Amino acid sequence: ARVAPELRVDVRLFQQGGLATLNAIRRIDYDVWRERPTVGRWRKLRLLLDAWLGMRVRGTS
């Protein structure tokens, strides 16, 4: 399904942010009761730039 152009960056960030969170959970061996999974500041910035640049370069995200 197509996503409205004004929502593409938001949807891409939601998707990639969720995957980054899952990767953070995997890195702590799924023990979310002992340690909180985190996505670092630089990784968040990278996700934002990737989503924005993907939209600008390809017209999609």
N, C-alpha and C. Protein backbone atom coordinates (compact mmCIF):
# COMPACT_ATOMS: atom_id res chain seq x y z
N ALA A 1 0.83 -1.18 0.00
CA ALA A 1 0.00 0.00 0.00
C ALA A 1 0.88 1.24 0.00
N ARG A 2 0.41 2.25 -0.63
CA ARG A 2 1.16 3.50 -0.70
C ARG A 2 0.87 4.36 0.52
N VAL A 3 1.89 5.10 0.90
CA VAL A 3 1.77 6.01 2.04
C VAL A 3 1.78 7.43 1.48
N ALA A 4 0.93 8.27 2.03
CA ALA A 4 0.88 9.66 1.59
C ALA A 4 2.26 10.29 1.75
N PRO A 5 2.69 11.08 0.79
CA PRO A 5 4.04 11.66 0.83
C PRO A 5 4.37 12.39 2.13
N GLU A 6 3.39 13.08 2.70
CA GLU A 6 3.67 13.84 3.92
C GLU A 6 3.86 12.94 5.15
N LEU A 7 3.54 11.67 5.02
CA LEU A 7 3.68 10.73 6.15
C LEU A 7 4.85 9.76 5.99
N ARG A 8 5.51 9.79 4.85
CA ARG A 8 6.54 8.78 4.57
C ARG A 8 7.69 8.78 5.57
N VAL A 9 8.19 9.95 5.91
CA VAL A 9 9.30 10.01 6.86
C VAL A 9 8.84 9.49 8.22
N ASP A 10 7.65 9.87 8.65
CA ASP A 10 7.13 9.41 9.94
C ASP A 10 6.98 7.89 9.98
N VAL A 11 6.40 7.33 8.93
CA VAL A 11 6.20 5.89 8.90
C VAL A 11 7.54 5.16 8.86
N ARG A 12 8.47 5.67 8.06
CA ARG A 12 9.81 5.07 7.98
C ARG A 12 10.50 5.12 9.34
N LEU A 13 10.42 6.25 10.02
CA LEU A 13 11.04 6.37 11.35
C LEU A 13 10.39 5.42 12.35
N PHE A 14 9.08 5.28 12.30
CA PHE A 14 8.37 4.36 13.19
C PHE A 14 8.86 2.93 12.96
N GLN A 15 8.96 2.55 11.70
CA GLN A 15 9.42 1.21 11.34
C GLN A 15 10.87 0.98 11.77
N GLN A 16 11.75 1.87 11.37
CA GLN A 16 13.16 1.70 11.67
C GLN A 16 13.45 1.85 13.16
N GLY A 17 12.72 2.71 13.83
CA GLY A 17 12.88 2.84 15.28
C GLY A 17 12.48 1.56 16.00
N GLY A 18 11.41 0.93 15.54
CA GLY A 18 10.99 -0.35 16.12
C GLY A 18 12.04 -1.43 15.91
N LEU A 19 12.61 -1.48 14.71
CA LEU A 19 13.66 -2.46 14.44
C LEU A 19 14.91 -2.19 15.27
N ALA A 20 15.25 -0.91 15.45
CA ALA A 20 16.40 -0.57 16.29
C ALA A 20 16.16 -0.98 17.74
N THR A 21 14.93 -0.84 18.20
CA THR A 21 14.59 -1.27 19.56
C THR A 21 14.71 -2.79 19.69
N LEU A 22 14.23 -3.51 18.69
CA LEU A 22 14.37 -4.97 18.72
C LEU A 22 15.84 -5.39 18.72
N ASN A 23 16.66 -4.70 17.95
CA ASN A 23 18.10 -5.00 17.96
C ASN A 23 18.71 -4.72 19.32
N ALA A 24 18.27 -3.64 19.97
CA ALA A 24 18.77 -3.32 21.31
C ALA A 24 18.38 -4.41 22.30
N ILE A 25 17.18 -4.94 22.16
CA ILE A 25 16.73 -6.03 23.03
C ILE A 25 17.58 -7.27 22.78
N ARG A 26 17.88 -7.55 21.54
CA ARG A 26 18.72 -8.71 21.22
C ARG A 26 20.12 -8.54 21.81
N ARG A 27 20.66 -7.32 21.75
CA ARG A 27 22.02 -7.07 22.28
C ARG A 27 22.12 -7.33 23.78
N ILE A 28 21.03 -7.20 24.50
CA ILE A 28 21.08 -7.48 25.94
C ILE A 28 20.53 -8.88 26.25
N ASP A 29 20.58 -9.73 25.23
CA ASP A 29 20.15 -11.13 25.36
C ASP A 29 18.70 -11.26 25.84
N TYR A 30 17.86 -10.35 25.41
CA TYR A 30 16.42 -10.40 25.66
C TYR A 30 16.03 -10.27 27.14
N ASP A 31 16.97 -9.88 27.97
CA ASP A 31 16.71 -9.77 29.41
C ASP A 31 16.29 -8.34 29.75
N VAL A 32 15.06 -7.99 29.37
CA VAL A 32 14.58 -6.62 29.57
C VAL A 32 14.22 -6.34 31.02
N TRP A 33 14.18 -7.36 31.87
CA TRP A 33 13.90 -7.15 33.29
C TRP A 33 15.16 -6.72 34.02
N ARG A 34 16.32 -7.12 33.52
CA ARG A 34 17.59 -6.79 34.17
C ARG A 34 18.17 -5.48 33.64
N GLU A 35 18.00 -5.24 32.34
CA GLU A 35 18.61 -4.08 31.71
C GLU A 35 17.64 -3.49 30.69
N ARG A 36 17.61 -2.17 30.65
CA ARG A 36 16.72 -1.49 29.71
C ARG A 36 17.38 -1.40 28.33
N PRO A 37 16.67 -1.80 27.28
CA PRO A 37 17.23 -1.64 25.93
C PRO A 37 17.23 -0.17 25.54
N THR A 38 18.30 0.29 24.94
CA THR A 38 18.38 1.69 24.53
C THR A 38 18.85 1.81 23.09
N VAL A 39 18.38 2.85 22.45
CA VAL A 39 18.85 3.24 21.13
C VAL A 39 19.54 4.58 21.33
N GLY A 40 20.81 4.61 21.03
CA GLY A 40 21.62 5.80 21.31
C GLY A 40 21.26 7.02 20.47
N ARG A 41 21.72 8.14 20.95
CA ARG A 41 21.46 9.43 20.30
C ARG A 41 21.94 9.44 18.84
N TRP A 42 23.15 8.93 18.59
CA TRP A 42 23.70 8.96 17.24
C TRP A 42 22.95 8.00 16.32
N ARG A 43 22.51 6.88 16.86
CA ARG A 43 21.72 5.94 16.06
C ARG A 43 20.37 6.56 15.69
N LYS A 44 19.76 7.28 16.62
CA LYS A 44 18.50 7.96 16.34
C LYS A 44 18.69 9.01 15.24
N LEU A 45 19.78 9.76 15.34
CA LEU A 45 20.06 10.76 14.32
C LEU A 45 20.26 10.10 12.96
N ARG A 46 20.96 8.99 12.95
CA ARG A 46 21.18 8.25 11.71
C ARG A 46 19.86 7.78 11.11
N LEU A 47 18.96 7.28 11.94
CA LEU A 47 17.65 6.85 11.46
C LEU A 47 16.89 8.01 10.82
N LEU A 48 16.94 9.16 11.47
CA LEU A 48 16.26 10.34 10.95
C LEU A 48 16.84 10.76 9.60
N LEU A 49 18.17 10.82 9.53
CA LEU A 49 18.82 11.21 8.28
C LEU A 49 18.54 10.21 7.16
N ASP A 50 18.61 8.93 7.47
CA ASP A 50 18.32 7.91 6.46
C ASP A 50 16.90 8.04 5.93
N ALA A 51 15.95 8.25 6.81
CA ALA A 51 14.55 8.38 6.39
C ALA A 51 14.36 9.63 5.54
N TRP A 52 14.93 10.73 5.99
CA TRP A 52 14.76 12.00 5.27
C TRP A 52 15.47 11.96 3.92
N LEU A 53 16.71 11.48 3.91
CA LEU A 53 17.45 11.42 2.66
C LEU A 53 16.83 10.42 1.69
N GLY A 54 16.32 9.32 2.22
CA GLY A 54 15.65 8.35 1.36
C GLY A 54 14.46 8.95 0.66
N MET A 55 13.72 9.78 1.36
CA MET A 55 12.57 10.44 0.76
C MET A 55 13.03 11.45 -0.29
N ARG A 56 14.06 12.20 0.02
CA ARG A 56 14.53 13.25 -0.88
C ARG A 56 15.18 12.66 -2.14
N VAL A 57 15.96 11.60 -1.98
CA VAL A 57 16.70 11.03 -3.10
C VAL A 57 15.81 10.16 -3.99
N ARG A 58 15.07 9.26 -3.38
CA ARG A 58 14.26 8.31 -4.14
C ARG A 58 12.82 8.75 -4.31
N GLY A 59 12.42 9.72 -3.54
CA GLY A 59 11.02 10.11 -3.57
C GLY A 59 10.16 9.16 -2.76
N THR A 60 10.82 8.22 -2.08
CA THR A 60 10.13 7.26 -1.21
C THR A 60 10.93 7.15 0.06
N SER A 61 10.43 6.34 0.98
CA SER A 61 11.22 6.13 2.19
C SER A 61 11.33 4.70 2.55
